[in-house]
PDB file of N, CA and C in Angstrom:
ATOM      1  N   UNK A   1     117.929 149.750 224.647  1.00  0.00           N
ATOM      2  CA  UNK A   1     118.208 148.247 224.092  1.00  0.00           C
ATOM      3  C   UNK A   1     118.187 147.624 225.794  1.00  0.00           C
ATOM      4  N   UNK A   2     118.934 147.759 226.400  1.00  0.00           N
ATOM      5  CA  UNK A   2     119.902 147.660 227.441  1.00  0.00           C
ATOM      6  C   UNK A   2     118.840 146.996 228.683  1.00  0.00           C
ATOM      7  N   UNK A   3     117.575 148.096 229.099  1.00  0.00           N
ATOM      8  CA  UNK A   3     116.474 147.865 229.789  1.00  0.00           C
ATOM      9  C   UNK A   3     115.964 145.660 229.321  1.00  0.00           C
ATOM     10  N   UNK A   4     115.727 145.739 227.765  1.00  0.00           N
ATOM     11  CA  UNK A   4     115.563 144.457 227.180  1.00  0.00           C
ATOM     12  C   UNK A   4     116.294 143.504 227.718  1.00  0.00           C
ATOM     13  N   UNK A   5     117.967 143.593 227.601  1.00  0.00           N
ATOM     14  CA  UNK A   5     118.908 142.958 228.038  1.00  0.00           C
ATOM     15  C   UNK A   5     118.456 142.867 229.743  1.00  0.00           C
ATOM     16  N   UNK A   6     119.016 143.822 230.409  1.00  0.00           N
ATOM     17  CA  UNK A   6     118.493 143.047 231.835  1.00  0.00           C
ATOM     18  C   UNK A   6     117.400 142.437 232.126  1.00  0.00           C
ATOM     19  N   UNK A   7     116.472 142.320 231.602  1.00  0.00           N
ATOM     20  CA  UNK A   7     114.923 142.124 232.174  1.00  0.00           C
ATOM     21  C   UNK A   7     115.306 140.165 231.314  1.00  0.00           C
ATOM     22  N   UNK A   8     115.797 140.098 230.643  1.00  0.00           N
ATOM     23  CA  UNK A   8     116.708 138.615 229.892  1.00  0.00           C
ATOM     24  C   UNK A   8     116.905 137.858 231.033  1.00  0.00           C
ATOM     25  N   UNK A   9     118.531 139.376 231.056  1.00  0.00           N
ATOM     26  CA  UNK A   9     119.450 138.084 232.125  1.00  0.00           C
ATOM     27  C   UNK A   9     118.706 138.122 233.431  1.00  0.00           C
ATOM     28  N   UNK A  10     117.888 138.773 233.639  1.00  0.00           N
ATOM     29  CA  UNK A  10     117.019 138.645 234.718  1.00  0.00           C
ATOM     30  C   UNK A  10     116.801 137.446 234.522  1.00  0.00           C
ATOM     31  N   UNK A  11     115.336 137.198 234.015  1.00  0.00           N
ATOM     32  CA  UNK A  11     115.200 136.577 234.335  1.00  0.00           C
ATOM     33  C   UNK A  11     115.671 134.799 233.963  1.00  0.00           C
ATOM     34  N   UNK A  12     117.171 134.769 233.283  1.00  0.00           N
ATOM     35  CA  UNK A  12     117.896 133.346 232.872  1.00  0.00           C
ATOM     36  C   UNK A  12     118.486 133.025 233.874  1.00  0.00           C
ATOM     37  N   UNK A  13     118.922 134.423 235.215  1.00  0.00           N
ATOM     38  CA  UNK A  13     119.523 134.327 236.170  1.00  0.00           C
ATOM     39  C   UNK A  13     118.496 133.839 237.361  1.00  0.00           C
ATOM     40  N   UNK A  14     116.974 134.032 237.560  1.00  0.00           N
ATOM     41  CA  UNK A  14     115.999 133.764 238.140  1.00  0.00           C
ATOM     42  C   UNK A  14     116.120 132.400 237.784  1.00  0.00           C
ATOM     43  N   UNK A  15     115.265 131.653 236.414  1.00  0.00           N
ATOM     44  CA  UNK A  15     114.891 130.239 236.102  1.00  0.00           C
ATOM     45  C   UNK A  15     116.126 129.495 236.536  1.00  0.00           C
ATOM     46  N   UNK A  16     117.818 129.708 236.252  1.00  0.00           N
ATOM     47  CA  UNK A  16     118.378 129.048 237.194  1.00  0.00           C
ATOM     48  C   UNK A  16     118.478 128.414 237.836  1.00  0.00           C
ATOM     49  N   UNK A  17     118.620 129.915 239.360  1.00  0.00           N
ATOM     50  CA  UNK A  17     118.246 129.826 240.126  1.00  0.00           C
ATOM     51  C   UNK A  17     117.190 129.059 241.324  1.00  0.00           C
ATOM     52  N   UNK A  18     116.447 128.755 240.621  1.00  0.00           N
ATOM     53  CA  UNK A  18     114.845 127.948 240.755  1.00  0.00           C
ATOM     54  C   UNK A  18     115.194 126.942 240.788  1.00  0.00           C
ATOM     55  N   UNK A  19     115.566 126.959 239.226  1.00  0.00           N
ATOM     56  CA  UNK A  19     116.666 125.150 238.908  1.00  0.00           C
ATOM     57  C   UNK A  19     116.832 124.669 240.017  1.00  0.00           C
ATOM     58  N   UNK A  20     117.719 125.424 240.082  1.00  0.00           N
ATOM     59  CA  UNK A  20     118.698 124.560 242.069  1.00  0.00           C
ATOM     60  C   UNK A  20     118.194 124.514 243.338  1.00  0.00           C
ATOM     61  N   UNK A  21     117.188 126.026 243.034  1.00  0.00           N
ATOM     62  CA  UNK A  21     116.157 125.139 244.550  1.00  0.00           C
ATOM     63  C   UNK A  21     115.369 124.231 244.292  1.00  0.00           C
ATOM     64  N   UNK A  22     114.556 124.189 243.219  1.00  0.00           N
ATOM     65  CA  UNK A  22     113.818 123.122 242.674  1.00  0.00           C
ATOM     66  C   UNK A  22     114.730 121.657 243.097  1.00  0.00           C
ATOM     67  N   UNK A  23     116.317 121.672 242.752  1.00  0.00           N
ATOM     68  CA  UNK A  23     117.206 120.419 242.852  1.00  0.00           C
ATOM     69  C   UNK A  23     116.954 119.806 244.802  1.00  0.00           C
ATOM     70  N   UNK A  24     116.674 121.097 245.258  1.00  0.00           N
ATOM     71  CA  UNK A  24     116.991 121.016 246.393  1.00  0.00           C
ATOM     72  C   UNK A  24     115.524 120.663 247.612  1.00  0.00           C
ATOM     73  N   UNK A  25     114.979 121.240 246.571  1.00  0.00           N
ATOM     74  CA  UNK A  25     113.497 120.732 246.813  1.00  0.00           C
ATOM     75  C   UNK A  25     113.289 119.199 247.034  1.00  0.00           C
ATOM     76  N   UNK A  26     113.302 118.899 245.638  1.00  0.00           N
ATOM     77  CA  UNK A  26     112.880 117.414 244.969  1.00  0.00           C
ATOM     78  C   UNK A  26     114.316 117.147 244.796  1.00  0.00           C
ATOM     79  N   UNK A  27     115.572 116.238 245.571  1.00  0.00           N
ATOM     80  CA  UNK A  27     116.482 115.363 245.136  1.00  0.00           C
ATOM     81  C   UNK A  27     116.444 114.535 243.782  1.00  0.00           C
ATOM     82  N   UNK A  28     114.836 113.458 244.345  1.00  0.00           N
ATOM     83  CA  UNK A  28     114.585 112.502 243.987  1.00  0.00           C
ATOM     84  C   UNK A  28     114.700 112.527 242.474  1.00  0.00           C
ATOM     85  N   UNK A  29     114.168 113.870 242.147  1.00  0.00           N
ATOM     86  CA  UNK A  29     113.226 113.977 240.355  1.00  0.00           C
ATOM     87  C   UNK A  29     114.411 114.869 239.889  1.00  0.00           C
ATOM     88  N   UNK A  30     115.383 115.468 240.378  1.00  0.00           N
ATOM     89  CA  UNK A  30     116.766 115.754 239.730  1.00  0.00           C
ATOM     90  C   UNK A  30     117.652 114.412 239.512  1.00  0.00           C
ATOM     91  N   UNK A  31     117.593 113.786 240.552  1.00  0.00           N
ATOM     92  CA  UNK A  31     118.624 112.544 240.200  1.00  0.00           C
ATOM     93  C   UNK A  31     118.722 111.486 240.333  1.00  0.00           C
ATOM     94  N   UNK A  32     117.347 110.976 241.188  1.00  0.00           N
ATOM     95  CA  UNK A  32     116.882 109.444 241.466  1.00  0.00           C
ATOM     96  C   UNK A  32     116.446 108.802 240.490  1.00  0.00           C
ATOM     97  N   UNK A  33     115.860 109.428 239.637  1.00  0.00           N
ATOM     98  CA  UNK A  33     113.968 109.604 238.683  1.00  0.00           C
ATOM     99  C   UNK A  33     115.481 108.953 237.348  1.00  0.00           C
ATOM    100  N   UNK A  34     115.978 110.461 236.885  1.00  0.00           N
ATOM    101  CA  UNK A  34     117.450 110.424 236.264  1.00  0.00           C
ATOM    102  C   UNK A  34     118.116 108.897 236.009  1.00  0.00           C
ATOM    103  N   UNK A  35     118.448 108.203 237.547  1.00  0.00           N
ATOM    104  CA  UNK A  35     119.354 107.644 237.149  1.00  0.00           C
ATOM    105  C   UNK A  35     118.453 105.907 237.051  1.00  0.00           C
ATOM    106  N   UNK A  36     117.023 105.862 237.677  1.00  0.00           N
ATOM    107  CA  UNK A  36     116.160 104.532 237.802  1.00  0.00           C
ATOM    108  C   UNK A  36     115.798 104.557 236.114  1.00  0.00           C
ATOM    109  N   UNK A  37     115.356 105.925 235.941  1.00  0.00           N
ATOM    110  CA  UNK A  37     115.041 106.082 233.856  1.00  0.00           C
ATOM    111  C   UNK A  37     116.243 105.379 232.896  1.00  0.00           C
ATOM    112  N   UNK A  38     117.798 105.635 233.590  1.00  0.00           N
ATOM    113  CA  UNK A  38     118.322 105.180 232.302  1.00  0.00           C
ATOM    114  C   UNK A  38     119.015 103.534 232.765  1.00  0.00           C
ATOM    115  N   UNK A  39     119.058 102.800 233.674  1.00  0.00           N
ATOM    116  CA  UNK A  39     119.116 101.686 235.239  1.00  0.00           C
ATOM    117  C   UNK A  39     118.045 100.823 233.671  1.00  0.00           C
ATOM    118  N   UNK A  40     116.561 101.444 234.222  1.00  0.00           N
ATOM    119  CA  UNK A  40     116.065 100.843 233.398  1.00  0.00           C
ATOM    120  C   UNK A  40     115.934 100.694 231.749  1.00  0.00           C
ATOM    121  N   UNK A  41     115.654 101.504 231.102  1.00  0.00           N
ATOM    122  CA  UNK A  41     116.122 102.179 229.447  1.00  0.00           C
ATOM    123  C   UNK A  41     117.604 101.481 229.363  1.00  0.00           C
ATOM    124  N   UNK A  42     118.349 101.250 229.627  1.00  0.00           N
ATOM    125  CA  UNK A  42     120.032 100.375 229.457  1.00  0.00           C
ATOM    126  C   UNK A  42     119.293  98.371 230.067  1.00  0.00           C
ATOM    127  N   UNK A  43     118.533  98.658 230.505  1.00  0.00           N
ATOM    128  CA  UNK A  43     118.433  96.888 230.697  1.00  0.00           C
ATOM    129  C   UNK A  43     117.834  96.643 229.120  1.00  0.00           C
ATOM    130  N   UNK A  44     116.327  97.431 229.610  1.00  0.00           N
ATOM    131  CA  UNK A  44     115.601  96.974 227.555  1.00  0.00           C
ATOM    132  C   UNK A  44     116.460  96.969 226.748  1.00  0.00           C
ATOM    133  N   UNK A  45     117.141  98.236 226.461  1.00  0.00           N
ATOM    134  CA  UNK A  45     117.570  97.980 225.585  1.00  0.00           C
ATOM    135  C   UNK A  45     118.915  96.582 224.924  1.00  0.00           C
ATOM    136  N   UNK A  46     119.777  96.675 226.247  1.00  0.00           N
ATOM    137  CA  UNK A  46     120.745  95.513 226.090  1.00  0.00           C
ATOM    138  C   UNK A  46     119.666  93.884 225.428  1.00  0.00           C
ATOM    139  N   UNK A  47     118.487  93.750 226.652  1.00  0.00           N
ATOM    140  CA  UNK A  47     117.814  92.396 226.578  1.00  0.00           C
ATOM    141  C   UNK A  47     117.868  93.053 224.645  1.00  0.00           C
ATOM    142  N   UNK A  48     116.964  93.909 223.702  1.00  0.00           N
ATOM    143  CA  UNK A  48     116.767  93.725 222.947  1.00  0.00           C
ATOM    144  C   UNK A  48     117.924  93.683 221.646  1.00  0.00           C
ATOM    145  N   UNK A  49     119.147  94.105 221.823  1.00  0.00           N
ATOM    146  CA  UNK A  49     120.512  93.792 221.094  1.00  0.00           C
ATOM    147  C   UNK A  49     120.908  91.905 221.307  1.00  0.00           C
ATOM    148  N   UNK A  50     120.692  91.418 222.662  1.00  0.00           N
ATOM    149  CA  UNK A  50     121.111  90.188 222.961  1.00  0.00           C
ATOM    150  C   UNK A  50     119.928  89.232 222.172  1.00  0.00           C
ATOM    151  N   UNK A  51     118.835  89.859 222.255  1.00  0.00           N
ATOM    152  CA  UNK A  51     118.251  88.985 221.554  1.00  0.00           C
ATOM    153  C   UNK A  51     117.836  89.233 220.618  1.00  0.00           C
ATOM    154  N   UNK A  52     118.202  89.718 219.334  1.00  0.00           N
ATOM    155  CA  UNK A  52     119.108  90.235 217.789  1.00  0.00           C
ATOM    156  C   UNK A  52     120.069  89.293 217.714  1.00  0.00           C
ATOM    157  N   UNK A  53     120.812  89.351 218.227  1.00  0.00           N
ATOM    158  CA  UNK A  53     122.240  88.649 218.330  1.00  0.00           C
ATOM    159  C   UNK A  53     121.578  87.449 218.015  1.00  0.00           C
ATOM    160  N   UNK A  54     120.711  86.643 218.781  1.00  0.00           N
ATOM    161  CA  UNK A  54     120.271  85.147 219.841  1.00  0.00           C
ATOM    162  C   UNK A  54     119.855  84.800 218.210  1.00  0.00           C
ATOM    163  N   UNK A  55     118.742  85.739 217.722  1.00  0.00           N
ATOM    164  CA  UNK A  55     118.207  85.429 216.299  1.00  0.00           C
ATOM    165  C   UNK A  55     118.994  85.220 215.066  1.00  0.00           C
ATOM    166  N   UNK A  56     120.305  86.046 214.934  1.00  0.00           N
ATOM    167  CA  UNK A  56     120.586  85.833 213.884  1.00  0.00           C
ATOM    168  C   UNK A  56     121.310  84.627 213.963  1.00  0.00           C
ATOM    169  N   UNK A  57     122.441  84.537 215.257  1.00  0.00           N
ATOM    170  CA  UNK A  57     122.647  82.464 215.322  1.00  0.00           C
ATOM    171  C   UNK A  57     122.170  81.966 214.632  1.00  0.00           C
ATOM    172  N   UNK A  58     120.788  81.755 215.482  1.00  0.00           N
ATOM    173  CA  UNK A  58     119.621  80.731 215.190  1.00  0.00           C
ATOM    174  C   UNK A  58     119.802  80.601 214.058  1.00  0.00           C
ATOM    175  N   UNK A  59     118.874  81.950 213.171  1.00  0.00           N
ATOM    176  CA  UNK A  59     118.734  81.552 211.822  1.00  0.00           C
ATOM    177  C   UNK A  59     120.408  81.243 211.424  1.00  0.00           C
ATOM    178  N   UNK A  60     121.564  82.223 211.391  1.00  0.00           N
ATOM    179  CA  UNK A  60     122.883  80.920 210.209  1.00  0.00           C
ATOM    180  C   UNK A  60     122.832  79.953 210.531  1.00  0.00           C
ATOM    181  N   UNK A  61     122.561  78.913 212.295  1.00  0.00           N
ATOM    182  CA  UNK A  61     122.629  77.886 212.543  1.00  0.00           C
ATOM    183  C   UNK A  61     121.742  77.035 211.405  1.00  0.00           C
ATOM    184  N   UNK A  62     120.116  77.415 211.306  1.00  0.00           N
ATOM    185  CA  UNK A  62     119.440  77.045 210.712  1.00  0.00           C
ATOM    186  C   UNK A  62     119.786  77.006 209.133  1.00  0.00           C
ATOM    187  N   UNK A  63     120.474  77.600 208.697  1.00  0.00           N
ATOM    188  CA  UNK A  63     120.979  78.021 207.003  1.00  0.00           C
ATOM    189  C   UNK A  63     121.811  76.881 207.423  1.00  0.00           C
ATOM    190  N   UNK A  64     123.216  76.954 208.328  1.00  0.00           N
ATOM    191  CA  UNK A  64     124.180  76.187 207.701  1.00  0.00           C
ATOM    192  C   UNK A  64     123.127  74.888 207.392  1.00  0.00           C
ATOM    193  N   UNK A  65     122.709  74.430 208.370  1.00  0.00           N
ATOM    194  CA  UNK A  65     122.186  73.494 208.939  1.00  0.00           C
ATOM    195  C   UNK A  65     121.001  72.592 207.383  1.00  0.00           C
ATOM    196  N   UNK A  66     120.540  73.618 206.962  1.00  0.00           N
ATOM    197  CA  UNK A  66     120.148  73.200 205.306  1.00  0.00           C
ATOM    198  C   UNK A  66     121.335  72.680 203.502  1.00  0.00           C
ATOM    199  N   UNK A  67     121.872  73.547 204.204  1.00  0.00           N
ATOM    200  CA  UNK A  67     123.270  73.016 203.080  1.00  0.00           C
ATOM    201  C   UNK A  67     123.791  71.812 203.638  1.00  0.00           C
ATOM    202  N   UNK A  68     124.222  71.723 204.687  1.00  0.00           N
ATOM    203  CA  UNK A  68     124.785  70.397 205.192  1.00  0.00           C
ATOM    204  C   UNK A  68     123.897  69.170 204.383  1.00  0.00           C
ATOM    205  N   UNK A  69     122.430  69.389 205.262  1.00  0.00           N
ATOM    206  CA  UNK A  69     121.450  68.284 204.904  1.00  0.00           C
ATOM    207  C   UNK A  69     121.727  68.317 203.150  1.00  0.00           C
ATOM    208  N   UNK A  70     121.398  69.193 202.503  1.00  0.00           N
ATOM    209  CA  UNK A  70     121.289  69.098 201.048  1.00  0.00           C
ATOM    210  C   UNK A  70     122.587  68.295 200.659  1.00  0.00           C
ATOM    211  N   UNK A  71     122.991  68.457 200.358  1.00  0.00           N
ATOM    212  CA  UNK A  71     124.183  68.687 199.948  1.00  0.00           C
ATOM    213  C   UNK A  71     125.366  67.082 200.319  1.00  0.00           C
ATOM    214  N   UNK A  72     124.917  66.487 201.995  1.00  0.00           N
ATOM    215  CA  UNK A  72     125.087  65.043 201.722  1.00  0.00           C
ATOM    216  C   UNK A  72     124.122  64.223 202.145  1.00  0.00           C
ATOM    217  N   UNK A  73     123.037  64.577 202.152  1.00  0.00           N
ATOM    218  CA  UNK A  73     121.728  64.352 201.836  1.00  0.00           C
ATOM    219  C   UNK A  73     121.614  63.301 203.656  1.00  0.00           C
ATOM    220  N   UNK A  74     121.889  64.103 204.947  1.00  0.00           N
ATOM    221  CA  UNK A  74     121.486  63.218 205.824  1.00  0.00           C
ATOM    222  C   UNK A  74     120.806  62.593 206.522  1.00  0.00           C
ATOM    223  N   UNK A  75     120.886  61.923 207.338  1.00  0.00           N
ATOM    224  CA  UNK A  75     119.226  61.243 208.259  1.00  0.00           C
ATOM    225  C   UNK A  75     119.859  61.529 209.462  1.00  0.00           C
ATOM    226  N   UNK A  76     119.336  60.666 210.478  1.00  0.00           N
ATOM    227  CA  UNK A  76     119.571  61.695 211.604  1.00  0.00           C
ATOM    228  C   UNK A  76     120.664  60.698 212.354  1.00  0.00           C
ATOM    229  N   UNK A  77     121.397  59.448 211.732  1.00  0.00           N
ATOM    230  CA  UNK A  77     122.473  59.080 212.471  1.00  0.00           C
ATOM    231  C   UNK A  77     123.352  59.403 211.224  1.00  0.00           C
ATOM    232  N   UNK A  78     123.502  60.291 210.239  1.00  0.00           N
ATOM    233  CA  UNK A  78     124.683  60.047 209.255  1.00  0.00           C
ATOM    234  C   UNK A  78     124.525  60.089 207.839  1.00  0.00           C
ATOM    235  N   UNK A  79     125.753  60.166 207.306  1.00  0.00           N
ATOM    236  CA  UNK A  79     124.872  60.128 205.748  1.00  0.00           C
ATOM    237  C   UNK A  79     123.856  58.679 205.472  1.00  0.00           C
ATOM    238  N   UNK A  80     123.422  58.498 204.419  1.00  0.00           N
ATOM    239  CA  UNK A  80     122.343  57.986 204.479  1.00  0.00           C
ATOM    240  C   UNK A  80     123.052  56.785 203.831  1.00  0.00           C
ATOM    241  N   UNK A  81     122.959  55.221 204.269  1.00  0.00           N
ATOM    242  CA  UNK A  81     123.672  54.359 203.650  1.00  0.00           C
ATOM    243  C   UNK A  81     125.764  54.206 204.250  1.00  0.00           C
ATOM    244  N   UNK A  82     125.465  54.915 204.719  1.00  0.00           N
ATOM    245  CA  UNK A  82     127.153  54.745 204.883  1.00  0.00           C
ATOM    246  C   UNK A  82     127.430  54.161 205.791  1.00  0.00           C
ATOM    247  N   UNK A  83     127.151  53.911 206.871  1.00  0.00           N
ATOM    248  CA  UNK A  83     127.287  52.754 208.015  1.00  0.00           C
ATOM    249  C   UNK A  83     126.159  51.855 208.086  1.00  0.00           C
ATOM    250  N   UNK A  84     126.149  50.318 207.849  1.00  0.00           N
ATOM    251  CA  UNK A  84     125.553  49.421 208.212  1.00  0.00           C
ATOM    252  C   UNK A  84     126.088  48.344 209.099  1.00  0.00           C
ATOM    253  N   UNK A  85     126.188  47.842 210.111  1.00  0.00           N
ATOM    254  CA  UNK A  85     126.606  47.294 211.026  1.00  0.00           C
ATOM    255  C   UNK A  85     126.714  46.130 210.714  1.00  0.00           C
ATOM    256  N   UNK A  86     127.291  44.308 210.567  1.00  0.00           N
ATOM    257  CA  UNK A  86     127.163  43.048 210.763  1.00  0.00           C
ATOM    258  C   UNK A  86     126.025  42.906 211.922  1.00  0.00           C
ATOM    259  N   UNK A  87     125.388  42.091 211.619  1.00  0.00           N
ATOM    260  CA  UNK A  87     125.275  41.120 213.278  1.00  0.00           C
ATOM    261  C   UNK A  87     126.980  39.906 213.408  1.00  0.00           C
ATOM    262  N   UNK A  88     127.187  40.224 214.569  1.00  0.00           N
ATOM    263  CA  UNK A  88     127.981  39.469 214.954  1.00  0.00           C
ATOM    264  C   UNK A  88     128.254  38.891 216.488  1.00  0.00           C
ATOM    265  N   UNK A  89     127.876  37.673 216.784  1.00  0.00           N
ATOM    266  CA  UNK A  89     127.499  36.990 217.773  1.00  0.00           C
ATOM    267  C   UNK A  89     129.414  36.954 218.661  1.00  0.00           C
ATOM    268  N   UNK A  90     129.192  36.865 219.727  1.00  0.00           N
ATOM    269  CA  UNK A  90     130.753  37.001 220.320  1.00  0.00           C
ATOM    270  C   UNK A  90     131.315  35.336 220.490  1.00  0.00           C
ATOM    271  N   UNK A  91     130.520  34.688 220.084  1.00  0.00           N
ATOM    272  CA  UNK A  91     131.191  33.499 219.626  1.00  0.00           C
ATOM    273  C   UNK A  91     131.556  33.170 218.472  1.00  0.00           C
ATOM    274  N   UNK A  92     131.295  33.886 217.321  1.00  0.00           N
ATOM    275  CA  UNK A  92     131.450  33.605 216.230  1.00  0.00           C
ATOM    276  C   UNK A  92     133.378  34.515 216.490  1.00  0.00           C
ATOM    277  N   UNK A  93     133.255  35.613 216.595  1.00  0.00           N
ATOM    278  CA  UNK A  93     134.630  36.533 216.746  1.00  0.00           C
ATOM    279  C   UNK A  93     135.837  35.871 217.511  1.00  0.00           C
ATOM    280  N   UNK A  94     135.384  35.000 219.041  1.00  0.00           N
ATOM    281  CA  UNK A  94     136.446  34.152 219.594  1.00  0.00           C
ATOM    282  C   UNK A  94     136.632  32.935 218.824  1.00  0.00           C
ATOM    283  N   UNK A  95     135.665  32.502 218.062  1.00  0.00           N
ATOM    284  CA  UNK A  95     135.788  31.458 216.558  1.00  0.00           C
ATOM    285  C   UNK A  95     137.170  31.900 215.209  1.00  0.00           C
ATOM    286  N   UNK A  96     137.080  33.146 215.298  1.00  0.00           N
ATOM    287  CA  UNK A  96     137.474  33.607 214.375  1.00  0.00           C
ATOM    288  C   UNK A  96     139.497  33.966 215.175  1.00  0.00           C
ATOM    289  N   UNK A  97     139.249  34.178 215.874  1.00  0.00           N
ATOM    290  CA  UNK A  97     140.588  34.925 217.339  1.00  0.00           C
ATOM    291  C   UNK A  97     140.937  33.475 217.319  1.00  0.00           C
ATOM    292  N   UNK A  98     140.467  32.492 217.667  1.00  0.00           N
ATOM    293  CA  UNK A  98     141.352  31.382 217.819  1.00  0.00           C
ATOM    294  C   UNK A  98     142.045  30.326 216.347  1.00  0.00           C
ATOM    295  N   UNK A  99     141.174  31.154 215.619  1.00  0.00           N
ATOM    296  CA  UNK A  99     141.439  30.524 214.171  1.00  0.00           C
ATOM    297  C   UNK A  99     143.158  30.886 213.397  1.00  0.00           C
ATOM    298  N   UNK A 100     143.086  32.372 214.026  1.00  0.00           N
ATOM    299  CA  UNK A 100     144.242  33.606 213.855  1.00  0.00           C
ATOM    300  C   UNK A 100     145.347  32.902 214.333  1.00  0.00           C
ATOM    301  N   UNK A 101     144.979  32.696 215.869  1.00  0.00           N
ATOM    302  CA  UNK A 101     146.106  32.566 217.237  1.00  0.00           C
ATOM    303  C   UNK A 101     146.053  31.094 217.478  1.00  0.00           C
ATOM    304  N   UNK A 102     147.342  30.192 217.593  1.00  0.00           N
ATOM    305  CA  UNK A 102     147.216  29.068 217.448  1.00  0.00           C
ATOM    306  C   UNK A 102     148.735  29.603 219.528  1.00  0.00           C
ATOM    307  N   UNK A 103     147.643  28.984 219.943  1.00  0.00           N
ATOM    308  CA  UNK A 103     147.891  29.107 221.560  1.00  0.00           C
ATOM    309  C   UNK A 103     149.527  28.229 222.275  1.00  0.00           C
ATOM    310  N   UNK A 104     149.460  26.715 221.217  1.00  0.00           N
ATOM    311  CA  UNK A 104     149.905  26.152 221.315  1.00  0.00           C
ATOM    312  C   UNK A 104     150.984  26.368 220.984  1.00  0.00           C
ATOM    313  N   UNK A 105     151.088  26.875 220.120  1.00  0.00           N
ATOM    314  CA  UNK A 105     152.768  27.693 219.504  1.00  0.00           C
ATOM    315  C   UNK A 105     153.089  28.747 219.780  1.00  0.00           C
ATOM    316  N   UNK A 106     154.227  28.569 220.494  1.00  0.00           N
ATOM    317  CA  UNK A 106     154.605  29.519 220.936  1.00  0.00           C
ATOM    318  C   UNK A 106     155.779  29.873 221.257  1.00  0.00           C
ATOM    319  N   UNK A 107     157.371  30.088 221.217  1.00  0.00           N
ATOM    320  CA  UNK A 107     158.309  30.427 221.909  1.00  0.00           C
ATOM    321  C   UNK A 107     158.812  31.353 223.176  1.00  0.00           C
ATOM    322  N   UNK A 108     159.598  31.071 223.706  1.00  0.00           N
ATOM    323  CA  UNK A 108     159.900  31.393 225.102  1.00  0.00           C
ATOM    324  C   UNK A 108     161.097  32.413 224.285  1.00  0.00           C
ATOM    325  N   UNK A 109     160.686  34.110 225.740  1.00  0.00           N
ATOM    326  CA  UNK A 109     161.364  35.292 224.997  1.00  0.00           C
ATOM    327  C   UNK A 109     162.122  35.473 226.445  1.00  0.00           C
ATOM    328  N   UNK A 110     163.286  35.664 226.944  1.00  0.00           N
ATOM    329  CA  UNK A 110     163.481  35.932 227.729  1.00  0.00           C
ATOM    330  C   UNK A 110     163.590  37.720 227.259  1.00  0.00           C
ATOM    331  N   UNK A 111     162.680  38.444 228.786  1.00  0.00           N
ATOM    332  CA  UNK A 111     163.290  39.960 228.957  1.00  0.00           C
ATOM    333  C   UNK A 111     163.990  40.455 229.605  1.00  0.00           C
ATOM    334  N   UNK A 112     164.452  41.146 229.071  1.00  0.00           N
ATOM    335  CA  UNK A 112     165.810  41.500 230.044  1.00  0.00           C
ATOM    336  C   UNK A 112     165.902  43.093 231.206  1.00  0.00           C
ATOM    337  N   UNK A 113     166.116  42.152 232.291  1.00  0.00           N
ATOM    338  CA  UNK A 113     165.669  43.203 233.571  1.00  0.00           C
ATOM    339  C   UNK A 113     166.330  45.015 233.590  1.00  0.00           C
ATOM    340  N   UNK A 114     165.231  45.696 233.711  1.00  0.00           N
ATOM    341  CA  UNK A 114     166.275  47.070 233.776  1.00  0.00           C
ATOM    342  C   UNK A 114     167.769  47.511 234.203  1.00  0.00           C
ATOM    343  N   UNK A 115     168.394  46.542 235.558  1.00  0.00           N
ATOM    344  CA  UNK A 115     169.397  47.524 236.083  1.00  0.00           C
ATOM    345  C   UNK A 115     169.539  46.138 235.235  1.00  0.00           C
ATOM    346  N   UNK A 116     170.105  45.252 234.034  1.00  0.00           N
ATOM    347  CA  UNK A 116     170.964  43.906 233.579  1.00  0.00           C
ATOM    348  C   UNK A 116     171.738  45.232 232.529  1.00  0.00           C
ATOM    349  N   UNK A 117     173.282  44.527 232.581  1.00  0.00           N
ATOM    350  CA  UNK A 117     174.190  45.372 232.017  1.00  0.00           C
ATOM    351  C   UNK A 117     173.211  44.939 230.219  1.00  0.00           C
ATOM    352  N   UNK A 118     173.701  45.220 229.284  1.00  0.00           N
ATOM    353  CA  UNK A 118     173.481  44.793 228.285  1.00  0.00           C
ATOM    354  C   UNK A 118     174.758  44.113 227.737  1.00  0.00           C
ATOM    355  N   UNK A 119     175.516  44.301 228.083  1.00  0.00           N
ATOM    356  CA  UNK A 119     176.516  43.747 227.557  1.00  0.00           C
ATOM    357  C   UNK A 119     176.354  41.785 228.218  1.00  0.00           C
ATOM    358  N   UNK A 120     175.751  41.775 228.816  1.00  0.00           N
ATOM    359  CA  UNK A 120     176.056  39.879 228.883  1.00  0.00           C
ATOM    360  C   UNK A 120     174.940  39.390 228.351  1.00  0.00           C
TER     361      UNK A 120
END
């Protein structure tokens, strides 16, 4: 049995030495190829994860928009019939302000200066 163990041990030691030798002969295969493959597969994996999160966010936005649309019956500008601006001209606005404010009836009021005493 000891002869069999020695043969196995020799095979193990021989394979380890040949692997080290192989790494010295072909350093790109031992160091460069794993590094490049890790970089490429990592980038592909991250792109896949990011695209998945974008798809989920888009789906949630679409779902929320559908809920808002059904609850409030939205059109492109807001709730339907919620805002109906009146057609007003500038002349009409001027006449309305002139009726509210009389520019001939006024009182003079003195504004105190900042450095004046309040006792005067």
